Amino acid sequence: MPLAQEDLELIKQQVGDYVKDHISDWIAEQSLGKPAVVYEIELRERMVRVEEELKAQRALMREGFESQRTEMNLRFEQVDKRFEQVDKRFEQVDKRFEQVDKRLDLMKADMDKRFEQVDKRFEEMIRRHDRHFMWLVGFIATGVGVVITAMRYLPLAGSGAS
């Protein structure tokens, strides 16, 4: 026989009331026969233990974070020290370059002095050669003059002798 909608609603209400009235007993039976009050106490104890464990985990996490922060600070300090060492090395390199610059300046000054000395020697040599050249030119001119003079007078002497 088919049930009307009202009958279905009534049955649904009765089943729901029955389940509500007996569910705590059924749960207690399933948890080894413990009554609902004992089960509730056990649940509360478990919740307290879970909360305590969470607090302990939180404390461990804080300690871990703090140790990581400390390690990071140490690492940053080490990196800072390394940068300071690199800076010192660069300063040493700068000093070396300054020394090399000074040496090059001294060498340049020394080379300039030597070039000046060579220039002076060259000028003296040119003056000496100029004097010798002028002496040679004078000697040749004198010789040519003597030859020309002699040629003027030699033909006369030769023409009278013939």
N, C-alpha and C. Protein backbone atom coordinates (compact mmCIF):
# COMPACT_ATOMS: atom_id res chain seq x y z
N MET A 1 0.83 -1.16 0.00
CA MET A 1 0.00 0.00 0.00
C MET A 1 0.88 1.23 0.00
N PRO A 2 0.63 2.16 -0.88
CA PRO A 2 1.45 3.34 -1.01
C PRO A 2 1.23 4.28 0.17
N LEU A 3 2.35 4.93 0.57
CA LEU A 3 2.30 5.84 1.71
C LEU A 3 2.16 7.27 1.19
N ALA A 4 1.42 8.03 1.93
CA ALA A 4 1.24 9.42 1.56
C ALA A 4 2.44 10.22 2.07
N GLN A 5 2.56 11.38 1.55
CA GLN A 5 3.67 12.26 1.92
C GLN A 5 3.63 12.55 3.41
N GLU A 6 2.50 12.72 3.96
CA GLU A 6 2.37 13.01 5.39
C GLU A 6 2.85 11.83 6.22
N ASP A 7 2.53 10.63 5.75
CA ASP A 7 2.96 9.43 6.48
C ASP A 7 4.49 9.33 6.45
N LEU A 8 5.08 9.66 5.29
CA LEU A 8 6.54 9.61 5.18
C LEU A 8 7.19 10.62 6.12
N GLU A 9 6.61 11.80 6.23
CA GLU A 9 7.15 12.82 7.12
C GLU A 9 7.05 12.37 8.56
N LEU A 10 5.95 11.71 8.92
CA LEU A 10 5.75 11.23 10.29
C LEU A 10 6.74 10.14 10.61
N ILE A 11 6.97 9.24 9.69
CA ILE A 11 7.93 8.14 9.91
C ILE A 11 9.34 8.73 10.04
N LYS A 12 9.65 9.68 9.21
CA LYS A 12 10.96 10.33 9.25
C LYS A 12 11.17 11.00 10.60
N GLN A 13 10.15 11.65 11.13
CA GLN A 13 10.23 12.32 12.43
C GLN A 13 10.44 11.29 13.54
N GLN A 14 9.73 10.18 13.48
CA GLN A 14 9.82 9.15 14.52
C GLN A 14 11.20 8.49 14.50
N VAL A 15 11.72 8.22 13.28
CA VAL A 15 13.05 7.59 13.16
C VAL A 15 14.10 8.55 13.69
N GLY A 16 14.00 9.83 13.35
CA GLY A 16 14.96 10.82 13.82
C GLY A 16 14.95 10.93 15.33
N ASP A 17 13.76 10.93 15.95
CA ASP A 17 13.67 11.00 17.41
C ASP A 17 14.29 9.76 18.04
N TYR A 18 14.03 8.61 17.45
CA TYR A 18 14.55 7.35 17.99
C TYR A 18 16.08 7.35 17.94
N VAL A 19 16.63 7.78 16.81
CA VAL A 19 18.09 7.80 16.66
C VAL A 19 18.70 8.78 17.65
N LYS A 20 18.10 9.98 17.82
CA LYS A 20 18.61 10.96 18.77
C LYS A 20 18.61 10.41 20.18
N ASP A 21 17.54 9.66 20.55
CA ASP A 21 17.44 9.13 21.90
C ASP A 21 18.47 8.03 22.15
N HIS A 22 18.84 7.28 21.16
CA HIS A 22 19.67 6.10 21.38
C HIS A 22 21.10 6.21 20.85
N ILE A 23 21.41 7.27 20.18
CA ILE A 23 22.75 7.36 19.55
C ILE A 23 23.87 7.36 20.58
N SER A 24 23.67 8.04 21.71
CA SER A 24 24.73 8.05 22.74
C SER A 24 24.96 6.66 23.29
N ASP A 25 23.91 5.88 23.43
CA ASP A 25 24.08 4.50 23.89
C ASP A 25 24.84 3.68 22.87
N TRP A 26 24.51 3.86 21.62
CA TRP A 26 25.18 3.10 20.58
C TRP A 26 26.66 3.44 20.51
N ILE A 27 26.97 4.74 20.65
CA ILE A 27 28.38 5.16 20.62
C ILE A 27 29.12 4.58 21.81
N ALA A 28 28.46 4.62 22.98
CA ALA A 28 29.09 4.06 24.18
C ALA A 28 29.33 2.58 24.00
N GLU A 29 28.41 1.87 23.38
CA GLU A 29 28.59 0.44 23.14
C GLU A 29 29.77 0.21 22.20
N GLN A 30 29.91 1.04 21.22
CA GLN A 30 31.00 0.89 20.26
C GLN A 30 32.36 1.23 20.89
N SER A 31 32.39 2.05 21.91
CA SER A 31 33.65 2.39 22.57
C SER A 31 33.85 1.52 23.78
N LEU A 32 33.73 0.24 23.61
CA LEU A 32 33.98 -0.80 24.62
C LEU A 32 33.08 -0.65 25.85
N GLY A 33 31.92 -0.24 25.62
CA GLY A 33 30.93 -0.22 26.68
C GLY A 33 31.07 0.90 27.67
N LYS A 34 31.79 1.96 27.33
CA LYS A 34 31.94 3.07 28.26
C LYS A 34 30.74 3.99 28.13
N PRO A 35 30.30 4.53 29.22
CA PRO A 35 29.18 5.46 29.13
C PRO A 35 29.62 6.77 28.48
N ALA A 36 28.68 7.58 28.07
CA ALA A 36 28.96 8.82 27.36
C ALA A 36 29.78 9.79 28.19
N VAL A 37 29.58 9.82 29.50
CA VAL A 37 30.33 10.73 30.37
C VAL A 37 31.81 10.36 30.38
N VAL A 38 32.12 9.07 30.49
CA VAL A 38 33.51 8.61 30.49
C VAL A 38 34.15 8.91 29.13
N TYR A 39 33.40 8.65 28.08
CA TYR A 39 33.91 8.92 26.73
C TYR A 39 34.22 10.40 26.56
N GLU A 40 33.34 11.24 27.08
CA GLU A 40 33.56 12.68 26.99
C GLU A 40 34.79 13.10 27.77
N ILE A 41 34.98 12.51 28.95
CA ILE A 41 36.18 12.83 29.75
C ILE A 41 37.44 12.42 29.01
N GLU A 42 37.40 11.23 28.39
CA GLU A 42 38.57 10.78 27.64
C GLU A 42 38.87 11.72 26.47
N LEU A 43 37.79 12.15 25.81
CA LEU A 43 37.99 13.09 24.70
C LEU A 43 38.63 14.39 25.18
N ARG A 44 38.15 14.89 26.33
CA ARG A 44 38.72 16.12 26.88
C ARG A 44 40.19 15.93 27.26
N GLU A 45 40.49 14.77 27.85
CA GLU A 45 41.89 14.48 28.20
C GLU A 45 42.76 14.45 26.94
N ARG A 46 42.23 13.81 25.90
CA ARG A 46 42.97 13.77 24.63
C ARG A 46 43.17 15.17 24.06
N MET A 47 42.14 15.99 24.14
CA MET A 47 42.25 17.36 23.64
C MET A 47 43.30 18.12 24.43
N VAL A 48 43.33 17.93 25.74
CA VAL A 48 44.34 18.60 26.57
C VAL A 48 45.73 18.14 26.15
N ARG A 49 45.92 16.81 25.94
CA ARG A 49 47.21 16.30 25.53
C ARG A 49 47.61 16.84 24.15
N VAL A 50 46.63 16.92 23.25
CA VAL A 50 46.92 17.46 21.92
C VAL A 50 47.32 18.93 22.04
N GLU A 51 46.61 19.69 22.87
CA GLU A 51 46.97 21.11 23.06
C GLU A 51 48.36 21.24 23.64
N GLU A 52 48.71 20.40 24.62
CA GLU A 52 50.05 20.46 25.22
C GLU A 52 51.11 20.11 24.18
N GLU A 53 50.82 19.11 23.35
CA GLU A 53 51.77 18.72 22.31
C GLU A 53 51.93 19.85 21.29
N LEU A 54 50.81 20.50 20.97
CA LEU A 54 50.89 21.64 20.05
C LEU A 54 51.74 22.76 20.64
N LYS A 55 51.58 23.01 21.95
CA LYS A 55 52.40 24.03 22.61
C LYS A 55 53.87 23.63 22.54
N ALA A 56 54.14 22.33 22.80
CA ALA A 56 55.53 21.86 22.74
C ALA A 56 56.08 22.01 21.32
N GLN A 57 55.29 21.66 20.32
CA GLN A 57 55.71 21.81 18.93
C GLN A 57 55.98 23.27 18.59
N ARG A 58 55.11 24.14 19.06
CA ARG A 58 55.27 25.58 18.82
C ARG A 58 56.58 26.06 19.45
N ALA A 59 56.86 25.60 20.68
CA ALA A 59 58.10 26.00 21.35
C ALA A 59 59.32 25.50 20.56
N LEU A 60 59.24 24.24 20.09
CA LEU A 60 60.35 23.70 19.29
C LEU A 60 60.53 24.49 17.99
N MET A 61 59.41 24.86 17.37
CA MET A 61 59.50 25.65 16.15
C MET A 61 60.14 27.00 16.43
N ARG A 62 59.76 27.64 17.54
CA ARG A 62 60.37 28.92 17.89
C ARG A 62 61.87 28.78 18.12
N GLU A 63 62.24 27.70 18.83
CA GLU A 63 63.68 27.46 19.07
C GLU A 63 64.41 27.25 17.74
N GLY A 64 63.77 26.48 16.86
CA GLY A 64 64.38 26.24 15.55
C GLY A 64 64.54 27.53 14.76
N PHE A 65 63.49 28.36 14.77
CA PHE A 65 63.57 29.64 14.07
C PHE A 65 64.64 30.53 14.68
N GLU A 66 64.72 30.53 15.99
CA GLU A 66 65.72 31.36 16.67
C GLU A 66 67.14 30.86 16.33
N SER A 67 67.32 29.53 16.32
CA SER A 67 68.65 29.02 15.98
C SER A 67 68.98 29.33 14.53
N GLN A 68 67.99 29.25 13.64
CA GLN A 68 68.23 29.61 12.24
C GLN A 68 68.57 31.09 12.12
N ARG A 69 67.87 31.92 12.89
CA ARG A 69 68.16 33.36 12.85
C ARG A 69 69.59 33.60 13.33
N THR A 70 69.99 32.89 14.40
CA THR A 70 71.35 33.04 14.92
C THR A 70 72.37 32.58 13.88
N GLU A 71 72.09 31.45 13.23
CA GLU A 71 73.01 30.95 12.20
C GLU A 71 73.10 31.94 11.04
N MET A 72 71.97 32.49 10.65
CA MET A 72 71.98 33.47 9.56
C MET A 72 72.79 34.71 9.95
N ASN A 73 72.62 35.15 11.19
CA ASN A 73 73.40 36.31 11.65
C ASN A 73 74.89 35.99 11.60
N LEU A 74 75.26 34.77 12.04
CA LEU A 74 76.67 34.38 11.99
C LEU A 74 77.18 34.35 10.54
N ARG A 75 76.35 33.82 9.66
CA ARG A 75 76.75 33.77 8.25
C ARG A 75 76.93 35.17 7.69
N PHE A 76 76.00 36.08 8.02
CA PHE A 76 76.14 37.45 7.55
C PHE A 76 77.40 38.09 8.12
N GLU A 77 77.71 37.81 9.38
CA GLU A 77 78.94 38.35 9.96
C GLU A 77 80.16 37.81 9.21
N GLN A 78 80.12 36.51 8.88
CA GLN A 78 81.23 35.93 8.13
C GLN A 78 81.36 36.58 6.76
N VAL A 79 80.21 36.80 6.11
CA VAL A 79 80.25 37.45 4.79
C VAL A 79 80.80 38.87 4.94
N ASP A 80 80.38 39.57 6.00
CA ASP A 80 80.92 40.92 6.23
C ASP A 80 82.43 40.87 6.42
N LYS A 81 82.92 39.88 7.17
CA LYS A 81 84.36 39.76 7.38
C LYS A 81 85.07 39.50 6.05
N ARG A 82 84.46 38.64 5.23
CA ARG A 82 85.07 38.36 3.94
C ARG A 82 85.12 39.63 3.09
N PHE A 83 84.04 40.42 3.10
CA PHE A 83 84.06 41.67 2.35
C PHE A 83 85.14 42.61 2.89
N GLU A 84 85.30 42.64 4.20
CA GLU A 84 86.36 43.48 4.78
C GLU A 84 87.73 43.01 4.30
N GLN A 85 87.91 41.67 4.26
CA GLN A 85 89.18 41.14 3.78
C GLN A 85 89.41 41.52 2.32
N VAL A 86 88.35 41.42 1.52
CA VAL A 86 88.47 41.79 0.11
C VAL A 86 88.80 43.27 -0.01
N ASP A 87 88.15 44.09 0.83
CA ASP A 87 88.46 45.53 0.82
C ASP A 87 89.93 45.76 1.16
N LYS A 88 90.44 45.04 2.16
CA LYS A 88 91.85 45.19 2.52
C LYS A 88 92.75 44.78 1.36
N ARG A 89 92.36 43.70 0.68
CA ARG A 89 93.17 43.26 -0.46
C ARG A 89 93.16 44.32 -1.55
N PHE A 90 92.00 44.91 -1.81
CA PHE A 90 91.93 45.97 -2.81
C PHE A 90 92.79 47.16 -2.40
N GLU A 91 92.79 47.48 -1.11
CA GLU A 91 93.63 48.58 -0.63
C GLU A 91 95.10 48.25 -0.88
N GLN A 92 95.49 46.99 -0.61
CA GLN A 92 96.86 46.58 -0.87
C GLN A 92 97.20 46.69 -2.35
N VAL A 93 96.25 46.26 -3.19
CA VAL A 93 96.47 46.36 -4.63
C VAL A 93 96.61 47.83 -5.04
N ASP A 94 95.78 48.69 -4.45
CA ASP A 94 95.89 50.12 -4.75
C ASP A 94 97.26 50.65 -4.34
N LYS A 95 97.74 50.23 -3.17
CA LYS A 95 99.07 50.66 -2.73
C LYS A 95 100.14 50.18 -3.70
N ARG A 96 99.99 48.93 -4.15
CA ARG A 96 100.97 48.40 -5.10
C ARG A 96 100.96 49.21 -6.40
N PHE A 97 99.74 49.54 -6.87
CA PHE A 97 99.66 50.35 -8.08
C PHE A 97 100.29 51.72 -7.87
N GLU A 98 100.10 52.30 -6.70
CA GLU A 98 100.72 53.59 -6.41
C GLU A 98 102.24 53.46 -6.43
N GLN A 99 102.75 52.34 -5.85
CA GLN A 99 104.20 52.12 -5.87
C GLN A 99 104.70 51.97 -7.30
N VAL A 100 103.94 51.21 -8.10
CA VAL A 100 104.33 51.03 -9.50
C VAL A 100 104.31 52.38 -10.23
N ASP A 101 103.28 53.18 -9.94
CA ASP A 101 103.22 54.51 -10.56
C ASP A 101 104.44 55.35 -10.17
N LYS A 102 104.82 55.29 -8.89
CA LYS A 102 106.00 56.04 -8.45
C LYS A 102 107.25 55.54 -9.17
N ARG A 103 107.37 54.21 -9.27
CA ARG A 103 108.53 53.65 -9.96
C ARG A 103 108.56 54.10 -11.41
N LEU A 104 107.40 54.06 -12.06
CA LEU A 104 107.34 54.49 -13.45
C LEU A 104 107.70 55.96 -13.59
N ASP A 105 107.24 56.79 -12.65
CA ASP A 105 107.59 58.21 -12.69
C ASP A 105 109.09 58.39 -12.53
N LEU A 106 109.69 57.64 -11.60
CA LEU A 106 111.15 57.72 -11.41
C LEU A 106 111.88 57.26 -12.67
N MET A 107 111.39 56.16 -13.25
CA MET A 107 112.04 55.67 -14.47
C MET A 107 111.89 56.68 -15.60
N LYS A 108 110.73 57.31 -15.69
CA LYS A 108 110.52 58.31 -16.74
C LYS A 108 111.47 59.49 -16.53
N ALA A 109 111.59 59.93 -15.28
CA ALA A 109 112.48 61.06 -15.00
C ALA A 109 113.92 60.68 -15.35
N ASP A 110 114.31 59.46 -14.99
CA ASP A 110 115.67 59.00 -15.30
C ASP A 110 115.87 58.93 -16.81
N MET A 111 114.87 58.41 -17.52
CA MET A 111 114.98 58.32 -18.98
C MET A 111 115.03 59.72 -19.60
N ASP A 112 114.25 60.66 -19.06
CA ASP A 112 114.31 62.03 -19.58
C ASP A 112 115.71 62.62 -19.41
N LYS A 113 116.32 62.38 -18.23
CA LYS A 113 117.69 62.88 -18.01
C LYS A 113 118.65 62.27 -19.01
N ARG A 114 118.49 60.97 -19.22
CA ARG A 114 119.41 60.31 -20.16
C ARG A 114 119.22 60.83 -21.58
N PHE A 115 117.94 61.02 -21.97
CA PHE A 115 117.70 61.57 -23.31
C PHE A 115 118.29 62.97 -23.43
N GLU A 116 118.19 63.77 -22.37
CA GLU A 116 118.79 65.11 -22.40
C GLU A 116 120.30 65.01 -22.57
N GLN A 117 120.90 64.05 -21.86
CA GLN A 117 122.34 63.87 -21.99
C GLN A 117 122.71 63.44 -23.41
N VAL A 118 121.91 62.52 -23.97
CA VAL A 118 122.17 62.07 -25.34
C VAL A 118 122.01 63.25 -26.29
N ASP A 119 120.96 64.06 -26.08
CA ASP A 119 120.77 65.24 -26.94
C ASP A 119 121.97 66.17 -26.86
N LYS A 120 122.47 66.40 -25.64
CA LYS A 120 123.65 67.28 -25.48
C LYS A 120 124.85 66.70 -26.20
N ARG A 121 125.07 65.39 -26.03
CA ARG A 121 126.21 64.76 -26.71
C ARG A 121 126.07 64.87 -28.22
N PHE A 122 124.84 64.66 -28.70
CA PHE A 122 124.60 64.74 -30.14
C PHE A 122 124.86 66.16 -30.64
N GLU A 123 124.39 67.16 -29.90
CA GLU A 123 124.64 68.55 -30.30
C GLU A 123 126.13 68.86 -30.30
N GLU A 124 126.85 68.35 -29.27
CA GLU A 124 128.30 68.57 -29.24
C GLU A 124 128.98 67.90 -30.43
N MET A 125 128.50 66.69 -30.75
CA MET A 125 129.09 65.97 -31.85
C MET A 125 128.82 66.72 -33.16
N ILE A 126 127.62 67.24 -33.30
CA ILE A 126 127.31 68.00 -34.51
C ILE A 126 128.17 69.25 -34.58
N ARG A 127 128.35 69.95 -33.44
CA ARG A 127 129.20 71.15 -33.44
C ARG A 127 130.63 70.80 -33.82
N ARG A 128 131.13 69.68 -33.26
CA ARG A 128 132.49 69.26 -33.61
C ARG A 128 132.60 68.94 -35.09
N HIS A 129 131.59 68.19 -35.57
CA HIS A 129 131.62 67.84 -36.99
C HIS A 129 131.46 69.08 -37.86
N ASP A 130 130.64 70.03 -37.35
CA ASP A 130 130.50 71.27 -38.10
C ASP A 130 131.85 71.98 -38.17
N ARG A 131 132.55 72.02 -37.03
CA ARG A 131 133.86 72.67 -37.03
C ARG A 131 134.82 71.93 -37.97
N HIS A 132 134.81 70.60 -37.90
CA HIS A 132 135.69 69.82 -38.78
C HIS A 132 135.29 70.00 -40.23
N PHE A 133 133.98 70.04 -40.46
CA PHE A 133 133.51 70.22 -41.83
C PHE A 133 133.93 71.59 -42.35
N MET A 134 133.73 72.57 -41.47
CA MET A 134 134.12 73.92 -41.88
C MET A 134 135.64 73.98 -42.10
N TRP A 135 136.41 73.34 -41.29
CA TRP A 135 137.85 73.29 -41.47
C TRP A 135 138.18 72.63 -42.79
N LEU A 136 137.45 71.48 -43.07
CA LEU A 136 137.69 70.76 -44.31
C LEU A 136 137.32 71.63 -45.51
N VAL A 137 136.15 72.30 -45.40
CA VAL A 137 135.72 73.17 -46.49
C VAL A 137 136.77 74.29 -46.68
N GLY A 138 137.23 74.85 -45.60
CA GLY A 138 138.25 75.89 -45.68
C GLY A 138 139.53 75.36 -46.30
N PHE A 139 139.89 74.16 -45.89
CA PHE A 139 141.11 73.55 -46.42
C PHE A 139 140.97 73.30 -47.91
N ILE A 140 139.80 72.77 -48.30
CA ILE A 140 139.58 72.49 -49.72
C ILE A 140 139.56 73.80 -50.51
N ALA A 141 138.88 74.83 -49.93
CA ALA A 141 138.82 76.12 -50.64
C ALA A 141 140.22 76.70 -50.79
N THR A 142 141.01 76.58 -49.74
CA THR A 142 142.37 77.07 -49.82
C THR A 142 143.14 76.30 -50.87
N GLY A 143 142.95 74.99 -50.86
CA GLY A 143 143.66 74.16 -51.85
C GLY A 143 143.24 74.51 -53.26
N VAL A 144 141.95 74.72 -53.44
CA VAL A 144 141.45 75.07 -54.77
C VAL A 144 142.01 76.44 -55.17
N GLY A 145 142.02 77.34 -54.19
CA GLY A 145 142.58 78.67 -54.48
C GLY A 145 144.04 78.57 -54.87
N VAL A 146 144.76 77.74 -54.18
CA VAL A 146 146.18 77.56 -54.48
C VAL A 146 146.33 76.97 -55.87
N VAL A 147 145.49 75.99 -56.18
CA VAL A 147 145.58 75.34 -57.49
C VAL A 147 145.23 76.34 -58.58
N ILE A 148 144.18 77.14 -58.36
CA ILE A 148 143.78 78.10 -59.37
C ILE A 148 144.90 79.14 -59.56
N THR A 149 145.43 79.59 -58.46
CA THR A 149 146.51 80.56 -58.55
C THR A 149 147.71 79.94 -59.25
N ALA A 150 147.95 78.72 -58.89
CA ALA A 150 149.10 78.06 -59.50
C ALA A 150 148.86 77.84 -60.98
N MET A 151 147.67 77.57 -61.38
CA MET A 151 147.37 77.34 -62.79
C MET A 151 147.49 78.63 -63.58
N ARG A 152 147.21 79.71 -62.93
CA ARG A 152 147.37 80.97 -63.61
C ARG A 152 148.85 81.24 -63.88
N TYR A 153 149.63 80.96 -62.87
CA TYR A 153 151.04 81.27 -63.02
C TYR A 153 151.82 80.15 -63.69
N LEU A 154 151.37 78.96 -63.62
CA LEU A 154 152.09 77.85 -64.25
C LEU A 154 152.06 77.93 -65.77
N PRO A 155 150.98 78.25 -66.35
CA PRO A 155 151.03 78.34 -67.82
C PRO A 155 151.99 79.43 -68.24
N LEU A 156 152.13 80.48 -67.52
CA LEU A 156 153.07 81.51 -67.89
C LEU A 156 154.49 80.98 -67.76
N ALA A 157 154.72 80.32 -66.72
CA ALA A 157 156.05 79.78 -66.55
C ALA A 157 156.33 78.72 -67.60
N GLY A 158 155.31 78.01 -67.99
CA GLY A 158 155.50 76.98 -69.01
C GLY A 158 155.65 77.57 -70.40
N SER A 159 155.02 78.72 -70.65
CA SER A 159 155.08 79.30 -71.99
C SER A 159 156.45 79.98 -72.20
N GLY A 160 157.08 80.47 -71.14
CA GLY A 160 158.38 81.07 -71.28
C GLY A 160 159.44 80.01 -71.43
N ALA A 161 159.24 78.87 -70.96
CA ALA A 161 160.22 77.82 -71.01
C ALA A 161 160.19 77.11 -72.34
N SER A 162 159.16 77.18 -73.00
CA SER A 162 159.09 76.47 -74.25
C SER A 162 159.76 77.14 -75.33
